[in-house]
Structure formats: structure tokens, C-alpha cells
Protein backbone atom coordinates (compact mmCIF):
# COMPACT_ATOMS: atom_id res chain seq x y z
CA MET A 1 -9.26 -15.39 -0.95
CA SER A 2 -10.96 -18.39 0.44
CA LEU A 3 -11.41 -18.11 4.19
CA LYS A 4 -8.97 -21.58 4.06
CA PHE A 5 -6.10 -19.66 2.23
CA HIS A 6 -3.20 -18.77 4.18
CA PRO A 7 -0.59 -16.95 2.42
CA GLN A 8 2.08 -16.97 5.02
CA GLU A 9 2.12 -20.70 3.74
CA VAL A 10 2.56 -20.32 0.24
CA PRO A 11 6.08 -20.83 -0.69
CA ALA A 12 8.28 -18.03 -1.21
CA GLU A 13 11.53 -16.56 -3.21
CA PRO A 14 13.49 -13.19 -2.11
CA VAL A 15 13.72 -10.78 -5.13
CA ALA A 16 16.68 -9.12 -4.09
CA ASP A 17 17.93 -7.50 -7.35
CA PHE A 18 18.49 -3.87 -6.69
CA GLY A 19 19.49 -3.38 -3.25
CA ALA A 20 18.32 -0.15 -0.71
CA ILE A 21 17.18 3.16 -1.44
CA ALA A 22 19.87 5.64 0.07
CA PRO A 23 18.47 7.01 3.10
CA GLU A 24 18.72 10.44 2.00
CA HIS A 25 16.47 9.89 -0.80
CA LEU A 26 13.42 8.72 1.74
CA GLN A 27 13.76 12.08 3.57
CA PRO A 28 10.88 14.46 3.16
CA ALA A 29 12.63 16.96 0.88
CA ALA A 30 13.77 14.35 -1.09
CA LEU A 31 10.50 12.70 -1.44
CA ARG A 32 9.00 16.20 -2.43
CA ALA A 33 11.64 16.32 -5.36
CA ARG A 34 11.32 12.82 -6.41
CA PHE A 35 7.28 13.63 -6.95
CA GLN A 36 8.24 16.64 -8.95
CA ALA A 37 10.72 14.95 -11.16
CA SER A 38 9.57 13.39 -14.61
CA ARG A 39 11.58 9.69 -15.05
CA ILE A 40 11.01 6.86 -16.91
CA TRP A 41 10.13 4.09 -14.88
CA THR A 42 8.37 0.39 -15.13
CA PRO A 43 5.60 -0.26 -12.32
CA ASP A 44 5.90 -3.83 -11.05
CA THR A 45 2.27 -5.64 -12.05
CA ARG A 46 1.47 -9.11 -12.15
CA LEU A 47 -0.27 -9.31 -15.47
CA ASP A 48 -2.08 -12.40 -14.14
CA GLU A 49 -3.54 -10.84 -10.88
CA GLN A 50 -4.40 -7.40 -12.82
CA ARG A 51 -6.58 -8.92 -15.67
CA MET A 52 -8.69 -11.26 -13.57
CA HIS A 53 -11.87 -9.25 -14.51
CA GLU A 54 -13.53 -9.07 -17.08
CA GLN A 55 -16.02 -6.40 -16.06
CA ALA A 56 -15.30 -3.07 -15.15
CA PHE A 57 -13.13 -1.97 -12.04
CA ARG A 58 -14.53 -0.32 -9.35
CA PRO A 59 -12.63 3.31 -8.75
CA ALA A 60 -10.93 3.39 -5.32
CA ALA A 61 -8.20 5.07 -3.61
CA VAL A 62 -5.52 4.85 -0.78
CA LEU A 63 -3.31 6.68 1.20
CA ILE A 64 0.47 5.75 1.87
CA PRO A 65 1.21 7.80 4.86
CA VAL A 66 4.67 8.64 5.40
CA GLN A 67 5.27 10.02 9.17
CA GLU A 68 8.77 11.73 9.87
CA THR A 69 10.06 10.52 13.26
CA ALA A 70 12.76 11.04 15.66
CA ASN A 71 14.12 7.38 14.23
CA GLY A 72 13.46 8.52 10.72
CA PRO A 73 10.47 8.17 7.96
CA GLU A 74 8.04 5.56 8.51
CA ILE A 75 4.67 4.23 6.61
CA VAL A 76 1.46 4.14 8.70
CA LEU A 77 -0.65 1.11 8.00
CA THR A 78 -3.59 -0.23 9.42
CA ARG A 79 -4.71 -3.96 10.33
CA ARG A 80 -8.45 -4.16 9.35
CA SER A 81 -11.38 -5.40 11.26
CA ALA A 82 -11.90 -9.20 11.44
CA GLN A 83 -15.83 -8.16 11.01
CA LEU A 84 -15.04 -6.28 7.41
CA ARG A 85 -16.51 -8.06 4.33
CA HIS A 86 -13.48 -7.62 2.14
CA HIS A 87 -10.02 -8.53 3.25
CA ALA A 88 -10.76 -9.10 7.28
CA GLY A 89 -7.86 -8.99 9.55
CA GLN A 90 -5.54 -7.97 6.40
CA ILE A 91 -2.82 -5.25 7.23
CA SER A 92 -3.83 -2.49 4.55
CA PHE A 93 -3.59 1.24 3.66
CA PRO A 94 -6.22 3.57 5.17
CA GLY A 95 -8.66 3.66 1.74
CA GLY A 96 -11.56 2.84 -0.02
CA ARG A 97 -13.99 3.22 -3.14
CA TYR A 98 -14.85 6.12 -4.64
CA GLU A 99 -17.94 7.97 -3.63
CA ASP A 100 -19.78 10.34 -5.70
CA SER A 101 -19.65 13.20 -3.13
CA ASP A 102 -15.52 12.89 -3.63
CA ALA A 103 -13.75 15.73 -5.97
CA ASP A 104 -11.29 13.00 -7.12
CA LEU A 105 -9.57 10.16 -6.24
CA ILE A 106 -7.30 11.96 -4.13
CA ALA A 107 -10.05 13.37 -1.92
CA THR A 108 -11.40 9.49 -1.45
CA ALA A 109 -8.05 8.82 -0.28
CA LEU A 110 -8.13 11.75 2.45
CA ARG A 111 -11.55 11.16 3.47
CA GLU A 112 -11.48 7.47 3.91
CA THR A 113 -8.16 7.94 5.99
CA ARG A 114 -9.96 10.72 8.15
CA GLU A 115 -12.76 8.07 8.60
CA GLU A 116 -10.88 5.14 9.49
CA THR A 117 -7.79 6.58 11.47
CA GLY A 118 -8.90 10.04 12.51
CA ILE A 119 -6.22 12.13 10.71
CA PRO A 120 -8.21 15.20 9.17
CA GLU A 121 -7.26 15.97 5.55
CA HIS A 122 -5.54 19.34 6.46
CA GLU A 123 -2.93 17.22 8.28
CA VAL A 124 -1.77 15.55 5.09
CA GLU A 125 0.55 17.04 2.61
CA VAL A 126 0.05 15.30 -0.87
CA LEU A 127 3.13 14.32 -2.64
CA GLY A 128 1.39 12.60 -5.79
CA THR A 129 0.10 9.38 -6.99
CA LEU A 130 1.63 6.18 -8.16
CA PRO A 131 0.14 4.32 -11.06
CA LEU A 132 -3.44 2.47 -10.91
CA TYR A 133 -3.36 -0.98 -8.71
CA ARG A 134 -6.10 -3.62 -9.90
CA THR A 135 -7.08 -6.03 -6.83
CA GLY A 136 -8.31 -9.34 -6.99
CA THR A 137 -11.81 -7.77 -5.28
CA GLY A 138 -12.62 -5.70 -8.67
CA TYR A 139 -10.98 -2.72 -7.68
CA GLU A 140 -9.13 -0.30 -9.63
CA VAL A 141 -6.88 1.48 -6.85
CA THR A 142 -5.27 5.09 -6.89
CA PRO A 143 -2.41 5.00 -4.05
CA VAL A 144 -1.94 8.59 -2.97
CA VAL A 145 1.50 9.19 -1.69
CA GLY A 146 1.38 12.00 1.25
CA LEU A 147 3.33 13.42 4.11
CA LEU A 148 1.77 13.48 7.47
CA HIS A 149 1.91 16.80 9.61
CA SER A 150 3.82 16.42 13.00
CA GLY A 151 0.60 17.31 14.30
CA ALA A 152 -1.22 14.06 13.11
CA ILE A 153 -2.81 12.14 15.88
CA TRP A 154 -4.44 8.70 15.34
CA ALA A 155 -7.57 7.93 16.45
CA GLY A 156 -8.94 4.61 14.56
CA ASP A 157 -12.43 3.65 14.15
CA ALA A 158 -12.89 0.18 15.49
CA SER A 159 -15.41 -0.87 13.00
CA GLU A 160 -12.79 -0.52 10.18
CA VAL A 161 -9.58 -0.86 11.87
CA THR A 162 -8.22 -2.86 15.08
CA GLU A 163 -4.73 -1.35 15.01
CA ILE A 164 -2.42 1.57 13.64
CA PHE A 165 1.02 0.77 13.63
CA THR A 166 4.16 1.84 11.41
CA VAL A 167 7.38 0.26 9.56
CA PRO A 168 10.39 2.44 8.94
CA LEU A 169 10.47 3.49 5.32
CA PRO A 170 13.97 2.34 5.05
CA PHE A 171 12.73 -1.15 5.60
CA LEU A 172 10.31 -1.26 3.23
CA MET A 173 12.58 0.64 0.30
CA ASP A 174 14.92 -2.66 0.92
CA ASP A 175 14.15 -5.30 -1.70
CA ALA A 176 16.11 -7.62 0.57
CA HIS A 177 12.74 -7.55 2.53
CA HIS A 178 10.64 -8.23 -0.80
CA PHE A 179 9.19 -11.67 -1.45
CA LEU A 180 7.67 -13.34 -4.04
CA HIS A 181 4.96 -16.09 -3.87
CA ARG A 182 3.39 -18.44 -6.51
CA TYR A 183 0.50 -20.76 -5.94
CA ALA A 184 -1.67 -22.63 -8.45
CA LEU A 185 -5.69 -22.14 -8.59
CA ALA A 186 -7.87 -24.20 -10.47
CA GLN A 187 -7.02 -25.25 -14.12
CA GLU A 188 -3.32 -24.43 -13.30
CA GLN A 189 -3.95 -20.83 -12.87
CA ILE A 190 -0.49 -19.80 -11.30
CA ARG A 191 -1.02 -16.37 -9.14
CA HIS A 192 1.56 -14.12 -7.50
CA PHE A 193 1.78 -11.77 -4.72
CA TYR A 194 4.21 -9.86 -2.94
CA SER A 195 5.04 -9.82 1.00
CA MET A 196 7.45 -8.00 3.18
CA PRO A 197 7.29 -9.58 6.55
CA TYR A 198 8.17 -6.87 9.32
CA HIS A 199 7.92 -8.56 12.97
CA ASP A 200 4.74 -10.10 13.59
CA TYR A 201 2.96 -8.24 10.71
CA PHE A 202 3.01 -9.99 7.53
CA ILE A 203 2.33 -7.30 4.79
CA TRP A 204 0.91 -8.64 1.51
CA GLY A 205 -1.02 -8.60 -1.42
CA ALA A 206 -2.16 -5.22 -2.89
CA THR A 207 -0.26 -3.35 0.22
CA ALA A 208 2.72 -4.82 -0.77
CA GLY A 209 2.48 -4.69 -4.36
CA MET A 210 2.11 -0.76 -3.77
CA LEU A 211 5.13 -0.53 -1.70
CA ARG A 212 6.83 -2.62 -4.28
CA ASN A 213 6.09 0.13 -7.20
CA LEU A 214 6.76 2.90 -4.70
CA TYR A 215 10.38 1.01 -4.23
CA HIS A 216 10.55 1.33 -8.54
CA PHE A 217 9.09 4.66 -8.61
CA LEU A 218 11.94 6.04 -5.73
CA ARG A 219 14.89 4.35 -7.28
CA ALA A 220 14.46 5.21 -10.84
């Protein structure tokens, strides 16, 4: 995105079509059971976003970390450093591109999570993956969903993230908090992105898109 692009200023419309996912379906046992079940569902992909690159996409992975707390399950998110080349200052999941030393893309997500947040691989219980998500910067991302063990301690790498915070999972899994933005590029191309504003955090783009897919997956 251009440095002059301000996603908060793009007109938005609510997309509250299906309602909130019941709290009992967001508990760790229910999440485990859902990933073990085989159900037909349709990912919410914006095709204009997913086909922007004719060249081969580069493989990458992120971890969608779910942490059980006294107040219920929460999603762990990071704010990227302003010095990073891509998506500087944006809110994202821990993750990054696949390296040849990674056994697979799940290993990529776990390694990047350790490097960015200090949470070691053994503190994450991997539940499964969501469909590939292609980004405007040319990455094909595998979202890995995992439960954090109670002993997980965060220690963010300041060169990559400036903040680690949590958002209640029930808030994110209620489509009353999902918004769709549309804007025009050159040659009358229309682009779309989702957002899920939470207090002072503007969650948007690929992060919101993957959370939207998690919502559809869990409600199926």
C-alpha cells in the first residue's frame, strides 16, 4: 500500500449477516473438536484481491494464537515495527515467509512466532490450518490456528513488533463487528478489504480477512 493510504478513511459498510458464534463453541475443547470435524464451508475470499499477482506467490505462514484467560478465550495480535519494509505499523498475526530450513509451513508459523513474540514452539498446541490466503504483497499465507499453553510468556522482538496485545475471541467472532471497505484504484479497479476495529486498534486487511475465514469456519 502507498504511504498515503489511510484504511480508516475508506468508507465501510457492516456485514452482519449471520450473528455471533455461541460462546460455548469458542472454548478450547470446542475448537479442538471443530478442527477434527469435516464440514463443508466456503472461505470468504475477495477475488479481486486474491488475483492481483500474475507471478508465483511466495509461501508464508502465520499463527492465529488463541489464549484461554479468566475472562474467556482471546486472540493474540502484534503491532508491526514502523521500520519494517512491508505493512509497517500494522496489526498482524506473528508469522512470515517460509525458509528452506522449515520442515513445513506449520513450522514456519511456529518459528516466526518464537522469533517475534518469544513464545517457544512447545507452548503452542496446533489445532489445524485455514485455507491459503493471498496478499497484495505477493505472499500465499497458510493460517495456522493454535492454543497457547498457560505458561506462555511474551517477549516481543522490538525490531519486528512494537506491541503484543489480545482481543476477546467472542468480539472477533461476532460479525456485528465486521466491516467491508471498497475503494477505487487506477483504471477503475475496485478493491475490497475487511476491518474489525477494537478500541484504538484498527484490525484490517489480511489479518481481518483471515479472522473472517475463521469466523465462517467456526460457524459451519
